[in-house]
C-alpha atoms as a PDB file:
ATOM      1  CA  MET A   1       0.000   0.000   0.000  1.00  0.00           C
ATOM      2  CA  ALA A   2       1.284   3.440  -0.822  1.00  0.00           C
ATOM      3  CA  LEU A   3       2.519   5.668   1.968  1.00  0.00           C
ATOM      4  CA  ARG A   4       0.401   8.664   2.902  1.00  0.00           C
ATOM      5  CA  GLN A   5       3.354  11.045   2.474  1.00  0.00           C
ATOM      6  CA  ASP A   6       4.057   9.674  -1.024  1.00  0.00           C
ATOM      7  CA  LEU A   7       0.460  10.264  -2.069  1.00  0.00           C
ATOM      8  CA  MET A   8       0.485  13.788  -0.657  1.00  0.00           C
ATOM      9  CA  GLY A   9       3.824  14.442  -2.377  1.00  0.00           C
ATOM     10  CA  ALA A  10       2.168  13.521  -5.648  1.00  0.00           C
ATOM     11  CA  GLY A  11      -0.469  16.213  -5.086  1.00  0.00           C
ATOM     12  CA  MET A  12      -3.268  14.323  -3.348  1.00  0.00           C
ATOM     13  CA  GLY A  13      -4.999  16.077  -0.433  1.00  0.00           C
ATOM     14  CA  SER A  14      -4.171  14.889   3.084  1.00  0.00           C
ATOM     15  CA  GLY A  15      -7.686  13.611   3.809  1.00  0.00           C
ATOM     16  CA  ALA A  16      -7.852  11.427   0.712  1.00  0.00           C
ATOM     17  CA  ALA A  17      -4.280  10.238   1.181  1.00  0.00           C
ATOM     18  CA  GLY A  18      -5.093   9.239   4.758  1.00  0.00           C
ATOM     19  CA  MET A  19      -8.015   7.104   3.571  1.00  0.00           C
ATOM     20  CA  LEU A  20      -6.025   5.403   0.820  1.00  0.00           C
ATOM     21  CA  GLY A  21      -2.632   4.818   2.318  1.00  0.00           C
ATOM     22  CA  ASP A  22      -0.935   4.484   5.652  1.00  0.00           C
ATOM     23  CA  GLU A  23       2.373   3.255   6.895  1.00  0.00           C
ATOM     24  CA  PRO A  24       3.030  -0.472   6.531  1.00  0.00           C
ATOM     25  CA  ASN A  25       3.152  -2.940   9.402  1.00  0.00           C
ATOM     26  CA  VAL A  26       6.780  -3.351  10.532  1.00  0.00           C
ATOM     27  CA  LEU A  27       8.178  -6.274  12.539  1.00  0.00           C
ATOM     28  CA  ALA A  28      10.742  -5.257  15.165  1.00  0.00           C
ATOM     29  CA  ARG A  29      12.713  -8.005  16.889  1.00  0.00           C
ATOM     30  CA  CYS A  30      14.041  -7.011  20.293  1.00  0.00           C
ATOM     31  CA  THR A  31      17.733  -7.734  20.826  1.00  0.00           C
ATOM     32  CA  GLY A  32      18.362  -6.689  24.442  1.00  0.00           C
ATOM     33  CA  ILE A  33      17.013  -5.006  27.561  1.00  0.00           C
ATOM     34  CA  GLU A  34      18.546  -1.518  27.198  1.00  0.00           C
ATOM     35  CA  ARG A  35      17.710   1.407  24.930  1.00  0.00           C
ATOM     36  CA  ARG A  36      21.228   1.585  23.540  1.00  0.00           C
ATOM     37  CA  GLY A  37      21.232  -0.764  20.568  1.00  0.00           C
ATOM     38  CA  ALA A  38      17.473  -1.388  20.720  1.00  0.00           C
ATOM     39  CA  PRO A  39      15.603  -1.503  17.411  1.00  0.00           C
ATOM     40  CA  VAL A  40      14.005   1.815  16.466  1.00  0.00           C
ATOM     41  CA  LEU A  41      10.296   1.603  15.701  1.00  0.00           C
ATOM     42  CA  SER A  42       8.797   2.987  12.498  1.00  0.00           C
ATOM     43  CA  PRO A  43       5.986   5.520  12.205  1.00  0.00           C
ATOM     44  CA  GLY A  44       2.692   3.678  11.836  1.00  0.00           C
ATOM     45  CA  TYR A  45       2.037   0.103  12.880  1.00  0.00           C
ATOM     46  CA  ASN A  46       4.725  -2.031  14.550  1.00  0.00           C
ATOM     47  CA  THR A  47       4.570  -5.670  15.612  1.00  0.00           C
ATOM     48  CA  VAL A  48       7.199  -6.243  18.298  1.00  0.00           C
ATOM     49  CA  ALA A  49       8.621  -9.721  18.970  1.00  0.00           C
ATOM     50  CA  THR A  50       9.967 -10.079  22.505  1.00  0.00           C
ATOM     51  CA  GLY A  51      11.616 -12.824  24.517  1.00  0.00           C
ATOM     52  CA  PRO A  52      13.535 -13.370  27.749  1.00  0.00           C
ATOM     53  CA  ASP A  53      16.193 -10.632  28.057  1.00  0.00           C
ATOM     54  CA  MET A  54      15.067  -9.236  24.679  1.00  0.00           C
ATOM     55  CA  ASN A  55      12.379  -6.628  25.231  1.00  0.00           C
ATOM     56  CA  ALA A  56      13.704  -3.108  24.495  1.00  0.00           C
ATOM     57  CA  VAL A  57      12.591  -0.915  21.570  1.00  0.00           C
ATOM     58  CA  SER A  58      12.975   2.806  20.942  1.00  0.00           C
ATOM     59  CA  ILE A  59      10.820   5.589  19.528  1.00  0.00           C
ATOM     60  CA  PRO A  60      12.503   7.342  16.579  1.00  0.00           C
ATOM     61  CA  GLY A  61      13.901  10.770  17.419  1.00  0.00           C
ATOM     62  CA  ASN A  62      12.780  12.153  14.042  1.00  0.00           C
ATOM     63  CA  LEU A  63       9.080  11.292  14.538  1.00  0.00           C
ATOM     64  CA  ALA A  64       7.125  14.424  13.607  1.00  0.00           C
ATOM     65  CA  VAL A  65       4.917  16.191  16.152  1.00  0.00           C
ATOM     66  CA  GLY A  66       1.393  14.784  15.810  1.00  0.00           C
ATOM     67  CA  LYS A  67       2.537  11.470  14.291  1.00  0.00           C
ATOM     68  CA  ARG A  68       1.661   8.186  15.964  1.00  0.00           C
ATOM     69  CA  ILE A  69       3.244   4.813  16.483  1.00  0.00           C
ATOM     70  CA  VAL A  70       1.064   1.788  17.198  1.00  0.00           C
ATOM     71  CA  ILE A  71       2.779  -1.100  18.989  1.00  0.00           C
ATOM     72  CA  PHE A  72       1.498  -4.663  19.265  1.00  0.00           C
ATOM     73  CA  VAL A  73       3.663  -7.099  21.238  1.00  0.00           C
ATOM     74  CA  THR A  74       3.542 -10.725  20.098  1.00  0.00           C
ATOM     75  CA  GLY A  75       6.169 -12.258  22.385  1.00  0.00           C
ATOM     76  CA  PRO A  76       5.725 -13.618  25.909  1.00  0.00           C
ATOM     77  CA  VAL A  77       7.481 -10.679  27.599  1.00  0.00           C
ATOM     78  CA  PRO A  78       6.251  -7.056  27.840  1.00  0.00           C
ATOM     79  CA  ALA A  79       8.219  -4.614  25.669  1.00  0.00           C
ATOM     80  CA  GLN A  80       9.993  -1.638  27.221  1.00  0.00           C
ATOM     81  CA  VAL A  81       9.390   1.297  24.841  1.00  0.00           C
ATOM     82  CA  PHE A  82      12.056   3.963  25.343  1.00  0.00           C
ATOM     83  CA  PRO A  83      11.695   7.610  24.278  1.00  0.00           C
ATOM     84  CA  PRO A  84      14.433   9.348  22.273  1.00  0.00           C
ATOM     85  CA  ASP A  85      17.309  10.935  24.229  1.00  0.00           C
ATOM     86  CA  GLU A  86      16.165  13.391  26.900  1.00  0.00           C
ATOM     87  CA  ALA A  87      12.472  12.974  26.023  1.00  0.00           C
ATOM     88  CA  MET A  88       9.690  11.726  28.285  1.00  0.00           C
ATOM     89  CA  ILE A  89       6.574   9.605  27.866  1.00  0.00           C
ATOM     90  CA  ASN A  90       3.475  10.785  29.746  1.00  0.00           C
ATOM     91  CA  ALA A  91       4.517  12.276  33.100  1.00  0.00           C
ATOM     92  CA  ALA A  92       7.509   9.995  33.637  1.00  0.00           C
ATOM     93  CA  PHE A  93      11.063  11.210  34.005  1.00  0.00           C
ATOM     94  CA  GLN A  94      13.317  11.605  30.973  1.00  0.00           C
ATOM     95  CA  ASP A  95      14.527   8.386  29.355  1.00  0.00           C
ATOM     96  CA  VAL A  96      12.046   6.186  31.314  1.00  0.00           C
ATOM     97  CA  PRO A  97      10.289   3.558  29.163  1.00  0.00           C
ATOM     98  CA  VAL A  98       6.614   2.728  29.010  1.00  0.00           C
ATOM     99  CA  GLU A  99       5.615  -0.931  29.173  1.00  0.00           C
ATOM    100  CA  ALA A 100       3.695  -2.527  26.295  1.00  0.00           C
ATOM    101  CA  MET A 101       1.998  -5.755  27.367  1.00  0.00           C
ATOM    102  CA  PRO A 102       1.675  -8.726  24.993  1.00  0.00           C
ATOM    103  CA  GLY A 103      -1.601  -8.696  23.092  1.00  0.00           C
ATOM    104  CA  LYS A 104      -2.558  -5.145  24.169  1.00  0.00           C
ATOM    105  CA  PRO A 105      -1.947  -2.358  21.651  1.00  0.00           C
ATOM    106  CA  VAL A 106      -0.182   0.834  22.699  1.00  0.00           C
ATOM    107  CA  VAL A 107      -0.497   4.086  20.744  1.00  0.00           C
ATOM    108  CA  ILE A 108       2.263   6.662  21.203  1.00  0.00           C
ATOM    109  CA  GLU A 109       1.894  10.172  19.816  1.00  0.00           C
ATOM    110  CA  ARG A 110       4.515  12.894  19.744  1.00  0.00           C
ATOM    111  CA  MET A 111       3.087  15.944  21.497  1.00  0.00           C
ATOM    112  CA  SER A 112       6.153  18.208  21.358  1.00  0.00           C
ATOM    113  CA  HIS A 113       9.905  18.023  20.841  1.00  0.00           C
ATOM    114  CA  LEU A 114      10.515  16.301  24.206  1.00  0.00           C
ATOM    115  CA  ARG A 115       7.097  14.933  25.204  1.00  0.00           C
ATOM    116  CA  PHE A 116       5.205  11.845  24.059  1.00  0.00           C
ATOM    117  CA  LEU A 117       1.750  10.590  25.035  1.00  0.00           C
ATOM    118  CA  ALA A 118       1.261   6.832  25.466  1.00  0.00           C
ATOM    119  CA  MET A 119      -2.271   5.457  25.325  1.00  0.00           C
ATOM    120  CA  VAL A 120      -2.232   1.913  26.684  1.00  0.00           C
ATOM    121  CA  SER A 121      -5.065  -0.518  25.979  1.00  0.00           C
ATOM    122  CA  ALA A 122      -6.891  -1.785  29.082  1.00  0.00           C
END
């Protein structure tokens, strides 16, 4: 499916582009428990595979204000979703991750340069 930005770049209005195309589903495989070296998520929809001692992922630092990331964890271990350097998620301290539970989607939206909002499914 075409990316929304590609459609808009070709001259299509943002509303129509949003109905026709969105970011693809990306599979991120966790490789450790720390932010340093953790896979960086993509804008749009992300399926995250976790495992014992492999549960860290990171939000991209270049995510535009107003853009969202949707995370769905398929592994047996909750994912630790880290913000970019010096940023914070919800009211937590800087560099503190939010936990994404297996089978429960999490939506993260960039609110400003250093603040993200995480909406965790009940």
